Amino acid sequence: MEYKTRQEGSVTVIELSGEIDVSCAPQLKELLQGLIDEGKNQLLVNLADVPFMDSSGLGIFINAFKRNKQTGGAIKFASPQDALRKVFSLTQTDKVFSIFDSVEDGLSSF
């Protein structure tokens, strides 16, 4: 997994690429916690370049979502590939997370 972050007004866009699995879980957890700790609690995660995510990645997103919600923040997701949409659907996290078809749609939701 690789990532880049950029600011769009008050929203931090996190561009992820590569597989999200147990091997990169600590890096993803550190990234999200670091942003939240810095007060960057309006997060949009672009998943367009993520072909696969296992349960460890999903668990990190769930924990970050809960932690960020306590600070009045939000984590939203944009452009998931079909495989990730299926993961969100099967785990019913698509009912909890805000998931958008594009980064632009995600940004306009804040």
N, C-alpha and C. Protein backbone atom coordinates (compact mmCIF):
# COMPACT_ATOMS: atom_id res chain seq x y z
N MET A 1 0.84 -1.18 0.00
CA MET A 1 0.00 0.00 0.00
C MET A 1 0.88 1.24 0.00
N GLU A 2 0.49 2.19 -0.82
CA GLU A 2 1.12 3.50 -0.82
C GLU A 2 0.03 4.54 -0.61
N TYR A 3 0.43 5.72 -0.15
CA TYR A 3 -0.57 6.77 0.05
C TYR A 3 0.03 8.14 -0.19
N LYS A 4 -0.86 9.07 -0.51
CA LYS A 4 -0.55 10.49 -0.58
C LYS A 4 -1.72 11.21 0.07
N THR A 5 -1.43 12.33 0.72
CA THR A 5 -2.51 13.14 1.28
C THR A 5 -2.44 14.54 0.69
N ARG A 6 -3.60 15.17 0.61
CA ARG A 6 -3.67 16.56 0.16
C ARG A 6 -4.87 17.22 0.82
N GLN A 7 -4.79 18.52 0.95
CA GLN A 7 -5.87 19.29 1.56
C GLN A 7 -6.77 19.88 0.48
N GLU A 8 -8.05 19.76 0.68
CA GLU A 8 -9.06 20.41 -0.15
C GLU A 8 -9.94 21.20 0.82
N GLY A 9 -9.54 22.42 1.12
CA GLY A 9 -10.25 23.20 2.14
C GLY A 9 -10.04 22.54 3.49
N SER A 10 -11.13 22.23 4.18
CA SER A 10 -11.04 21.60 5.50
C SER A 10 -10.95 20.08 5.43
N VAL A 11 -11.01 19.53 4.22
CA VAL A 11 -11.02 18.07 4.04
C VAL A 11 -9.63 17.59 3.65
N THR A 12 -9.17 16.54 4.34
CA THR A 12 -7.93 15.88 3.96
C THR A 12 -8.30 14.68 3.08
N VAL A 13 -7.80 14.70 1.84
CA VAL A 13 -8.03 13.60 0.92
C VAL A 13 -6.85 12.65 1.02
N ILE A 14 -7.16 11.39 1.27
CA ILE A 14 -6.13 10.35 1.37
C ILE A 14 -6.26 9.48 0.12
N GLU A 15 -5.22 9.51 -0.70
CA GLU A 15 -5.19 8.72 -1.94
C GLU A 15 -4.44 7.43 -1.64
N LEU A 16 -5.14 6.31 -1.59
CA LEU A 16 -4.51 5.02 -1.32
C LEU A 16 -4.32 4.26 -2.62
N SER A 17 -3.25 3.47 -2.69
CA SER A 17 -3.06 2.60 -3.84
C SER A 17 -2.40 1.31 -3.39
N GLY A 18 -2.75 0.23 -4.07
CA GLY A 18 -2.24 -1.08 -3.71
C GLY A 18 -3.22 -1.81 -2.79
N GLU A 19 -2.84 -3.03 -2.45
CA GLU A 19 -3.70 -3.85 -1.60
C GLU A 19 -3.62 -3.39 -0.14
N ILE A 20 -4.76 -3.46 0.54
CA ILE A 20 -4.82 -3.15 1.97
C ILE A 20 -5.03 -4.48 2.68
N ASP A 21 -3.99 -4.95 3.33
CA ASP A 21 -4.06 -6.23 4.02
C ASP A 21 -3.25 -6.17 5.31
N VAL A 22 -3.10 -7.31 5.95
CA VAL A 22 -2.46 -7.36 7.26
C VAL A 22 -1.02 -6.83 7.21
N SER A 23 -0.36 -6.93 6.07
CA SER A 23 1.04 -6.47 5.99
C SER A 23 1.17 -4.95 6.07
N CYS A 24 0.15 -4.23 5.66
CA CYS A 24 0.23 -2.76 5.71
C CYS A 24 -0.70 -2.17 6.76
N ALA A 25 -1.39 -3.02 7.51
CA ALA A 25 -2.35 -2.54 8.50
C ALA A 25 -1.73 -1.57 9.51
N PRO A 26 -0.54 -1.85 10.06
CA PRO A 26 0.04 -0.89 11.01
C PRO A 26 0.29 0.48 10.39
N GLN A 27 0.73 0.51 9.14
CA GLN A 27 0.99 1.77 8.45
C GLN A 27 -0.32 2.56 8.25
N LEU A 28 -1.39 1.87 7.86
CA LEU A 28 -2.68 2.53 7.66
C LEU A 28 -3.23 3.06 8.98
N LYS A 29 -3.10 2.25 10.03
CA LYS A 29 -3.57 2.68 11.35
C LYS A 29 -2.83 3.93 11.82
N GLU A 30 -1.51 3.92 11.66
CA GLU A 30 -0.69 5.06 12.06
C GLU A 30 -1.05 6.32 11.26
N LEU A 31 -1.27 6.15 9.96
CA LEU A 31 -1.65 7.28 9.11
C LEU A 31 -2.96 7.92 9.58
N LEU A 32 -3.99 7.10 9.77
CA LEU A 32 -5.29 7.63 10.16
C LEU A 32 -5.25 8.24 11.56
N GLN A 33 -4.62 7.56 12.51
CA GLN A 33 -4.53 8.09 13.87
C GLN A 33 -3.74 9.39 13.90
N GLY A 34 -2.67 9.45 13.12
CA GLY A 34 -1.86 10.67 13.07
C GLY A 34 -2.65 11.85 12.56
N LEU A 35 -3.42 11.65 11.50
CA LEU A 35 -4.23 12.74 10.96
C LEU A 35 -5.27 13.20 11.97
N ILE A 36 -5.95 12.25 12.60
CA ILE A 36 -6.97 12.59 13.59
C ILE A 36 -6.34 13.33 14.78
N ASP A 37 -5.17 12.85 15.23
CA ASP A 37 -4.48 13.50 16.35
C ASP A 37 -4.05 14.93 16.00
N GLU A 38 -3.76 15.17 14.71
CA GLU A 38 -3.38 16.52 14.26
C GLU A 38 -4.60 17.44 14.12
N GLY A 39 -5.79 16.90 14.35
CA GLY A 39 -7.00 17.70 14.21
C GLY A 39 -7.56 17.69 12.80
N LYS A 40 -6.99 16.89 11.94
CA LYS A 40 -7.52 16.74 10.57
C LYS A 40 -8.56 15.63 10.60
N ASN A 41 -9.77 16.00 11.04
CA ASN A 41 -10.78 14.98 11.27
C ASN A 41 -11.87 14.93 10.20
N GLN A 42 -11.70 15.67 9.12
CA GLN A 42 -12.60 15.56 7.97
C GLN A 42 -11.81 14.83 6.89
N LEU A 43 -12.02 13.53 6.78
CA LEU A 43 -11.20 12.68 5.93
C LEU A 43 -12.01 12.06 4.80
N LEU A 44 -11.45 12.11 3.60
CA LEU A 44 -12.04 11.44 2.44
C LEU A 44 -10.98 10.48 1.90
N VAL A 45 -11.29 9.20 1.92
CA VAL A 45 -10.36 8.16 1.49
C VAL A 45 -10.71 7.74 0.07
N ASN A 46 -9.79 8.01 -0.86
CA ASN A 46 -10.00 7.62 -2.26
C ASN A 46 -9.49 6.20 -2.44
N LEU A 47 -10.40 5.29 -2.80
CA LEU A 47 -10.07 3.87 -2.95
C LEU A 47 -9.97 3.43 -4.41
N ALA A 48 -9.90 4.37 -5.33
CA ALA A 48 -9.92 4.03 -6.76
C ALA A 48 -8.79 3.09 -7.17
N ASP A 49 -7.64 3.19 -6.52
CA ASP A 49 -6.48 2.37 -6.88
C ASP A 49 -6.21 1.25 -5.88
N VAL A 50 -7.26 0.83 -5.17
CA VAL A 50 -7.14 -0.27 -4.20
C VAL A 50 -7.95 -1.46 -4.72
N PRO A 51 -7.26 -2.50 -5.23
CA PRO A 51 -7.98 -3.64 -5.80
C PRO A 51 -8.46 -4.66 -4.78
N PHE A 52 -7.90 -4.62 -3.55
CA PHE A 52 -8.20 -5.65 -2.56
C PHE A 52 -8.06 -5.07 -1.16
N MET A 53 -8.96 -5.51 -0.26
CA MET A 53 -8.85 -5.14 1.15
C MET A 53 -9.33 -6.34 1.97
N ASP A 54 -8.54 -6.73 2.97
CA ASP A 54 -8.97 -7.82 3.84
C ASP A 54 -9.59 -7.27 5.12
N SER A 55 -9.91 -8.16 6.03
CA SER A 55 -10.62 -7.76 7.25
C SER A 55 -9.78 -6.86 8.15
N SER A 56 -8.46 -6.98 8.08
CA SER A 56 -7.63 -6.11 8.92
C SER A 56 -7.76 -4.65 8.47
N GLY A 57 -7.80 -4.42 7.18
CA GLY A 57 -8.01 -3.06 6.67
C GLY A 57 -9.36 -2.52 7.04
N LEU A 58 -10.37 -3.36 6.89
CA LEU A 58 -11.73 -2.94 7.24
C LEU A 58 -11.81 -2.61 8.73
N GLY A 59 -11.18 -3.41 9.56
CA GLY A 59 -11.18 -3.16 11.00
C GLY A 59 -10.52 -1.83 11.36
N ILE A 60 -9.46 -1.49 10.66
CA ILE A 60 -8.79 -0.21 10.92
C ILE A 60 -9.70 0.94 10.54
N PHE A 61 -10.38 0.83 9.40
CA PHE A 61 -11.31 1.88 9.01
C PHE A 61 -12.47 2.02 10.01
N ILE A 62 -12.97 0.91 10.51
CA ILE A 62 -14.06 0.95 11.49
C ILE A 62 -13.59 1.64 12.78
N ASN A 63 -12.41 1.26 13.28
CA ASN A 63 -11.89 1.87 14.50
C ASN A 63 -11.63 3.36 14.31
N ALA A 64 -11.07 3.74 13.18
CA ALA A 64 -10.81 5.16 12.91
C ALA A 64 -12.12 5.92 12.78
N PHE A 65 -13.12 5.30 12.16
CA PHE A 65 -14.43 5.92 12.02
C PHE A 65 -15.02 6.22 13.40
N LYS A 66 -14.99 5.24 14.29
CA LYS A 66 -15.53 5.42 15.65
C LYS A 66 -14.76 6.50 16.41
N ARG A 67 -13.44 6.43 16.35
CA ARG A 67 -12.60 7.39 17.07
C ARG A 67 -12.80 8.80 16.54
N ASN A 68 -12.87 8.92 15.23
CA ASN A 68 -13.03 10.23 14.61
C ASN A 68 -14.40 10.82 14.88
N LYS A 69 -15.40 9.97 14.94
CA LYS A 69 -16.76 10.43 15.21
C LYS A 69 -16.84 11.10 16.59
N GLN A 70 -16.06 10.60 17.54
CA GLN A 70 -16.04 11.18 18.89
C GLN A 70 -15.48 12.60 18.88
N THR A 71 -14.66 12.92 17.88
CA THR A 71 -14.08 14.26 17.79
C THR A 71 -14.95 15.20 16.94
N GLY A 72 -16.08 14.69 16.48
CA GLY A 72 -16.95 15.49 15.61
C GLY A 72 -16.52 15.42 14.16
N GLY A 73 -15.63 14.50 13.86
CA GLY A 73 -15.12 14.36 12.50
C GLY A 73 -15.89 13.33 11.70
N ALA A 74 -15.42 13.13 10.47
CA ALA A 74 -16.04 12.16 9.57
C ALA A 74 -14.98 11.53 8.70
N ILE A 75 -15.17 10.25 8.41
CA ILE A 75 -14.37 9.55 7.41
C ILE A 75 -15.34 9.06 6.36
N LYS A 76 -15.10 9.46 5.13
CA LYS A 76 -15.94 9.05 4.01
C LYS A 76 -15.04 8.41 2.96
N PHE A 77 -15.66 7.66 2.07
CA PHE A 77 -14.91 6.90 1.08
C PHE A 77 -15.38 7.25 -0.33
N ALA A 78 -14.43 7.24 -1.27
CA ALA A 78 -14.75 7.58 -2.66
C ALA A 78 -14.16 6.54 -3.60
N SER A 79 -14.88 6.28 -4.67
CA SER A 79 -14.43 5.51 -5.82
C SER A 79 -13.95 4.09 -5.53
N PRO A 80 -14.65 3.34 -4.66
CA PRO A 80 -14.19 1.97 -4.45
C PRO A 80 -14.42 1.10 -5.69
N GLN A 81 -13.46 0.23 -5.98
CA GLN A 81 -13.63 -0.74 -7.06
C GLN A 81 -14.70 -1.75 -6.65
N ASP A 82 -15.17 -2.53 -7.61
CA ASP A 82 -16.26 -3.49 -7.35
C ASP A 82 -15.94 -4.45 -6.22
N ALA A 83 -14.68 -4.92 -6.15
CA ALA A 83 -14.30 -5.86 -5.09
C ALA A 83 -14.46 -5.24 -3.70
N LEU A 84 -14.13 -3.96 -3.57
CA LEU A 84 -14.27 -3.30 -2.27
C LEU A 84 -15.73 -2.99 -1.97
N ARG A 85 -16.50 -2.63 -2.99
CA ARG A 85 -17.93 -2.43 -2.78
C ARG A 85 -18.56 -3.71 -2.24
N LYS A 86 -18.10 -4.84 -2.75
CA LYS A 86 -18.63 -6.13 -2.28
C LYS A 86 -18.26 -6.36 -0.81
N VAL A 87 -17.03 -6.02 -0.43
CA VAL A 87 -16.62 -6.15 0.97
C VAL A 87 -17.51 -5.29 1.87
N PHE A 88 -17.71 -4.04 1.47
CA PHE A 88 -18.57 -3.14 2.26
C PHE A 88 -20.00 -3.68 2.34
N SER A 89 -20.49 -4.23 1.25
CA SER A 89 -21.86 -4.75 1.22
C SER A 89 -22.00 -6.01 2.08
N LEU A 90 -21.08 -6.96 1.92
CA LEU A 90 -21.15 -8.21 2.67
C LEU A 90 -21.04 -7.98 4.18
N THR A 91 -20.24 -7.00 4.57
CA THR A 91 -20.06 -6.72 6.00
C THR A 91 -21.08 -5.69 6.50
N GLN A 92 -21.93 -5.22 5.61
CA GLN A 92 -22.95 -4.21 5.90
C GLN A 92 -22.38 -2.90 6.41
N THR A 93 -21.09 -2.67 6.19
CA THR A 93 -20.51 -1.39 6.57
C THR A 93 -20.91 -0.30 5.58
N ASP A 94 -21.47 -0.70 4.43
CA ASP A 94 -21.98 0.30 3.50
C ASP A 94 -23.19 1.04 4.06
N LYS A 95 -23.77 0.49 5.12
CA LYS A 95 -24.89 1.15 5.81
C LYS A 95 -24.39 2.14 6.86
N VAL A 96 -23.11 2.02 7.23
CA VAL A 96 -22.50 2.88 8.24
C VAL A 96 -21.64 3.97 7.58
N PHE A 97 -20.81 3.55 6.64
CA PHE A 97 -19.90 4.47 5.95
C PHE A 97 -20.64 5.23 4.86
N SER A 98 -20.21 6.47 4.63
CA SER A 98 -20.65 7.23 3.47
C SER A 98 -19.69 6.92 2.33
N ILE A 99 -20.23 6.34 1.26
CA ILE A 99 -19.41 5.91 0.13
C ILE A 99 -19.92 6.60 -1.13
N PHE A 100 -18.99 7.24 -1.85
CA PHE A 100 -19.35 8.04 -3.02
C PHE A 100 -18.67 7.50 -4.27
N ASP A 101 -19.29 7.75 -5.42
CA ASP A 101 -18.77 7.26 -6.69
C ASP A 101 -17.52 8.00 -7.14
N SER A 102 -17.33 9.23 -6.66
CA SER A 102 -16.17 10.02 -7.08
C SER A 102 -15.66 10.87 -5.93
N VAL A 103 -14.42 11.31 -6.05
CA VAL A 103 -13.83 12.20 -5.05
C VAL A 103 -14.62 13.51 -5.00
N GLU A 104 -15.02 14.00 -6.16
CA GLU A 104 -15.77 15.26 -6.23
C GLU A 104 -17.08 15.15 -5.45
N ASP A 105 -17.80 14.03 -5.63
CA ASP A 105 -19.05 13.83 -4.89
C ASP A 105 -18.78 13.75 -3.39
N GLY A 106 -17.71 13.06 -3.02
CA GLY A 106 -17.34 12.96 -1.61
C GLY A 106 -17.01 14.31 -1.00
N LEU A 107 -16.23 15.11 -1.72
CA LEU A 107 -15.86 16.43 -1.22
C LEU A 107 -17.08 17.33 -1.04
N SER A 108 -18.01 17.25 -1.97
CA SER A 108 -19.19 18.12 -1.87
C SER A 108 -20.12 17.70 -0.74
N SER A 109 -19.90 16.51 -0.16
CA SER A 109 -20.77 16.05 0.93
C SER A 109 -20.37 16.61 2.29
N PHE A 110 -19.19 17.22 2.37
CA PHE A 110 -18.72 17.75 3.66
C PHE A 110 -19.34 19.12 3.93
